[in-house]
């Protein structure tokens, strides 16, 4: 199920604001950048870098995921571990808004998202 129209506006506002503050300097964006995408009920933040196997190609490396739980009107937070599976972010598994999710990713208290 896709997110509802009201959520789409919130997502665009919150995530575009996040990108403005988090993206690296323009002169290095060909080597490192940050993006996001909406996949069903999920918002995924990722790094954009040259591929490890072919540096001429760009690849997306996932950083964090927020999954909207409509029934509870909350966002579940996940991080991608070295096993390449999404795991609950145990210090704060749920937040009430996408803005709170972005704040958790920015702070990265335990180094789960950005290392």
C-alpha atoms as a PDB file:
ATOM      1  CA  UNK A   1       0.000   0.000   0.000  1.00  0.00           C
ATOM      2  CA  UNK A   2       1.370   3.426  -0.932  1.00  0.00           C
ATOM      3  CA  UNK A   3       1.500   6.291   1.499  1.00  0.00           C
ATOM      4  CA  UNK A   4      -1.468   8.640   1.474  1.00  0.00           C
ATOM      5  CA  UNK A   5      -1.277  12.077  -0.126  1.00  0.00           C
ATOM      6  CA  UNK A   6      -0.975  13.918   3.217  1.00  0.00           C
ATOM      7  CA  UNK A   7       2.057  11.809   4.110  1.00  0.00           C
ATOM      8  CA  UNK A   8       3.650  12.488   0.727  1.00  0.00           C
ATOM      9  CA  UNK A   9       3.687  16.231   1.369  1.00  0.00           C
ATOM     10  CA  UNK A  10       5.211  15.709   4.828  1.00  0.00           C
ATOM     11  CA  UNK A  11       7.823  13.349   3.401  1.00  0.00           C
ATOM     12  CA  UNK A  12       8.886  15.789   0.704  1.00  0.00           C
ATOM     13  CA  UNK A  13       9.115  18.721   3.129  1.00  0.00           C
ATOM     14  CA  UNK A  14      10.998  16.829   5.840  1.00  0.00           C
ATOM     15  CA  UNK A  15      13.332  14.909   3.574  1.00  0.00           C
ATOM     16  CA  UNK A  16      14.215  17.801   1.269  1.00  0.00           C
ATOM     17  CA  UNK A  17      14.990  19.915   4.336  1.00  0.00           C
ATOM     18  CA  UNK A  18      17.174  17.089   5.646  1.00  0.00           C
ATOM     19  CA  UNK A  19      19.048  16.830   2.343  1.00  0.00           C
ATOM     20  CA  UNK A  20      19.753  20.557   2.313  1.00  0.00           C
ATOM     21  CA  UNK A  21      21.429  20.269   5.709  1.00  0.00           C
ATOM     22  CA  UNK A  22      23.124  16.872   5.264  1.00  0.00           C
ATOM     23  CA  UNK A  23      24.462  16.729   1.716  1.00  0.00           C
ATOM     24  CA  UNK A  24      28.218  17.156   1.279  1.00  0.00           C
ATOM     25  CA  UNK A  25      29.769  20.131  -0.473  1.00  0.00           C
ATOM     26  CA  UNK A  26      28.821  20.358  -4.136  1.00  0.00           C
ATOM     27  CA  UNK A  27      32.386  19.833  -5.363  1.00  0.00           C
ATOM     28  CA  UNK A  28      32.576  16.308  -3.853  1.00  0.00           C
ATOM     29  CA  UNK A  29      29.062  15.110  -4.703  1.00  0.00           C
ATOM     30  CA  UNK A  30      30.328  13.096  -7.650  1.00  0.00           C
ATOM     31  CA  UNK A  31      32.179  10.924  -5.102  1.00  0.00           C
ATOM     32  CA  UNK A  32      29.733  11.101  -2.180  1.00  0.00           C
ATOM     33  CA  UNK A  33      26.138  12.246  -1.971  1.00  0.00           C
ATOM     34  CA  UNK A  34      23.006  11.486   0.017  1.00  0.00           C
ATOM     35  CA  UNK A  35      19.518  10.731  -1.218  1.00  0.00           C
ATOM     36  CA  UNK A  36      16.232   9.207  -0.167  1.00  0.00           C
ATOM     37  CA  UNK A  37      13.428   7.270  -1.734  1.00  0.00           C
ATOM     38  CA  UNK A  38       9.914   6.211  -0.862  1.00  0.00           C
ATOM     39  CA  UNK A  39       9.226   2.514  -1.268  1.00  0.00           C
ATOM     40  CA  UNK A  40       5.659   1.647  -0.299  1.00  0.00           C
ATOM     41  CA  UNK A  41       5.285   2.585   3.371  1.00  0.00           C
ATOM     42  CA  UNK A  42       9.048   3.107   3.776  1.00  0.00           C
ATOM     43  CA  UNK A  43      11.351   6.083   3.512  1.00  0.00           C
ATOM     44  CA  UNK A  44      14.946   5.011   2.923  1.00  0.00           C
ATOM     45  CA  UNK A  45      18.028   7.217   3.296  1.00  0.00           C
ATOM     46  CA  UNK A  46      21.070   6.163   1.294  1.00  0.00           C
ATOM     47  CA  UNK A  47      24.558   7.242   0.274  1.00  0.00           C
ATOM     48  CA  UNK A  48      25.398   7.592  -3.408  1.00  0.00           C
ATOM     49  CA  UNK A  49      28.989   6.561  -4.176  1.00  0.00           C
ATOM     50  CA  UNK A  50      30.947   4.990  -6.975  1.00  0.00           C
ATOM     51  CA  UNK A  51      30.311   1.249  -6.991  1.00  0.00           C
ATOM     52  CA  UNK A  52      32.904  -0.912  -5.215  1.00  0.00           C
ATOM     53  CA  UNK A  53      33.040  -3.290  -8.173  1.00  0.00           C
ATOM     54  CA  UNK A  54      32.936  -0.677 -10.942  1.00  0.00           C
ATOM     55  CA  UNK A  55      33.943   2.850  -9.868  1.00  0.00           C
ATOM     56  CA  UNK A  56      32.534   4.313 -13.100  1.00  0.00           C
ATOM     57  CA  UNK A  57      29.005   3.374 -11.968  1.00  0.00           C
ATOM     58  CA  UNK A  58      27.093   4.975  -9.100  1.00  0.00           C
ATOM     59  CA  UNK A  59      25.593   2.785  -6.382  1.00  0.00           C
ATOM     60  CA  UNK A  60      23.185   3.372  -3.523  1.00  0.00           C
ATOM     61  CA  UNK A  61      24.275   2.188  -0.078  1.00  0.00           C
ATOM     62  CA  UNK A  62      21.392   2.129   2.395  1.00  0.00           C
ATOM     63  CA  UNK A  63      21.811   3.941   5.696  1.00  0.00           C
ATOM     64  CA  UNK A  64      18.450   4.091   7.491  1.00  0.00           C
ATOM     65  CA  UNK A  65      14.804   3.204   6.977  1.00  0.00           C
ATOM     66  CA  UNK A  66      11.578   4.479   8.490  1.00  0.00           C
ATOM     67  CA  UNK A  67       8.476   2.317   8.024  1.00  0.00           C
ATOM     68  CA  UNK A  68       5.102   3.985   8.542  1.00  0.00           C
ATOM     69  CA  UNK A  69       2.663   2.011  10.694  1.00  0.00           C
ATOM     70  CA  UNK A  70      -0.705   3.516   9.806  1.00  0.00           C
ATOM     71  CA  UNK A  71      -2.640   1.681  12.524  1.00  0.00           C
ATOM     72  CA  UNK A  72      -0.447   3.314  15.205  1.00  0.00           C
ATOM     73  CA  UNK A  73       0.406   6.494  13.270  1.00  0.00           C
ATOM     74  CA  UNK A  74       4.095   5.975  14.070  1.00  0.00           C
ATOM     75  CA  UNK A  75       7.344   5.383  12.196  1.00  0.00           C
ATOM     76  CA  UNK A  76       9.500   2.318  12.964  1.00  0.00           C
ATOM     77  CA  UNK A  77      13.243   2.949  12.678  1.00  0.00           C
ATOM     78  CA  UNK A  78      15.645   0.435  11.115  1.00  0.00           C
ATOM     79  CA  UNK A  79      19.356   0.358  10.366  1.00  0.00           C
ATOM     80  CA  UNK A  80      21.242  -1.872   7.958  1.00  0.00           C
ATOM     81  CA  UNK A  81      23.719  -4.163   9.703  1.00  0.00           C
ATOM     82  CA  UNK A  82      26.737  -5.853   8.141  1.00  0.00           C
ATOM     83  CA  UNK A  83      24.553  -8.898   7.395  1.00  0.00           C
ATOM     84  CA  UNK A  84      22.745  -6.594   4.899  1.00  0.00           C
ATOM     85  CA  UNK A  85      19.427  -7.015   6.736  1.00  0.00           C
ATOM     86  CA  UNK A  86      17.335  -4.283   8.303  1.00  0.00           C
ATOM     87  CA  UNK A  87      17.276  -4.389  12.109  1.00  0.00           C
ATOM     88  CA  UNK A  88      15.193  -2.445  14.596  1.00  0.00           C
ATOM     89  CA  UNK A  89      17.006   0.530  16.049  1.00  0.00           C
ATOM     90  CA  UNK A  90      16.746  -0.602  19.680  1.00  0.00           C
ATOM     91  CA  UNK A  91      17.506   2.672  21.471  1.00  0.00           C
ATOM     92  CA  UNK A  92      14.423   4.239  19.859  1.00  0.00           C
ATOM     93  CA  UNK A  93      12.430   1.719  17.795  1.00  0.00           C
ATOM     94  CA  UNK A  94       9.498   4.051  17.036  1.00  0.00           C
ATOM     95  CA  UNK A  95       8.925   7.755  16.667  1.00  0.00           C
ATOM     96  CA  UNK A  96       5.794   9.797  16.128  1.00  0.00           C
ATOM     97  CA  UNK A  97       6.993  11.783  13.126  1.00  0.00           C
ATOM     98  CA  UNK A  98       9.321  11.594  10.167  1.00  0.00           C
ATOM     99  CA  UNK A  99      11.115  14.676  11.529  1.00  0.00           C
ATOM    100  CA  UNK A 100      11.962  12.712  14.696  1.00  0.00           C
ATOM    101  CA  UNK A 101      13.330   9.898  12.518  1.00  0.00           C
ATOM    102  CA  UNK A 102      15.577  12.355  10.664  1.00  0.00           C
ATOM    103  CA  UNK A 103      16.789  13.783  13.985  1.00  0.00           C
ATOM    104  CA  UNK A 104      17.700  10.278  15.213  1.00  0.00           C
ATOM    105  CA  UNK A 105      19.641   9.586  12.006  1.00  0.00           C
ATOM    106  CA  UNK A 106      21.440  12.941  12.224  1.00  0.00           C
ATOM    107  CA  UNK A 107      22.442  12.381  15.846  1.00  0.00           C
ATOM    108  CA  UNK A 108      23.470   8.753  15.233  1.00  0.00           C
ATOM    109  CA  UNK A 109      24.236   8.347  18.917  1.00  0.00           C
ATOM    110  CA  UNK A 110      25.488   4.749  18.556  1.00  0.00           C
ATOM    111  CA  UNK A 111      27.128   5.042  15.133  1.00  0.00           C
ATOM    112  CA  UNK A 112      24.612   2.625  13.606  1.00  0.00           C
ATOM    113  CA  UNK A 113      23.691   4.715  10.575  1.00  0.00           C
ATOM    114  CA  UNK A 114      26.855   6.523   9.554  1.00  0.00           C
ATOM    115  CA  UNK A 115      29.435   4.296  11.271  1.00  0.00           C
END
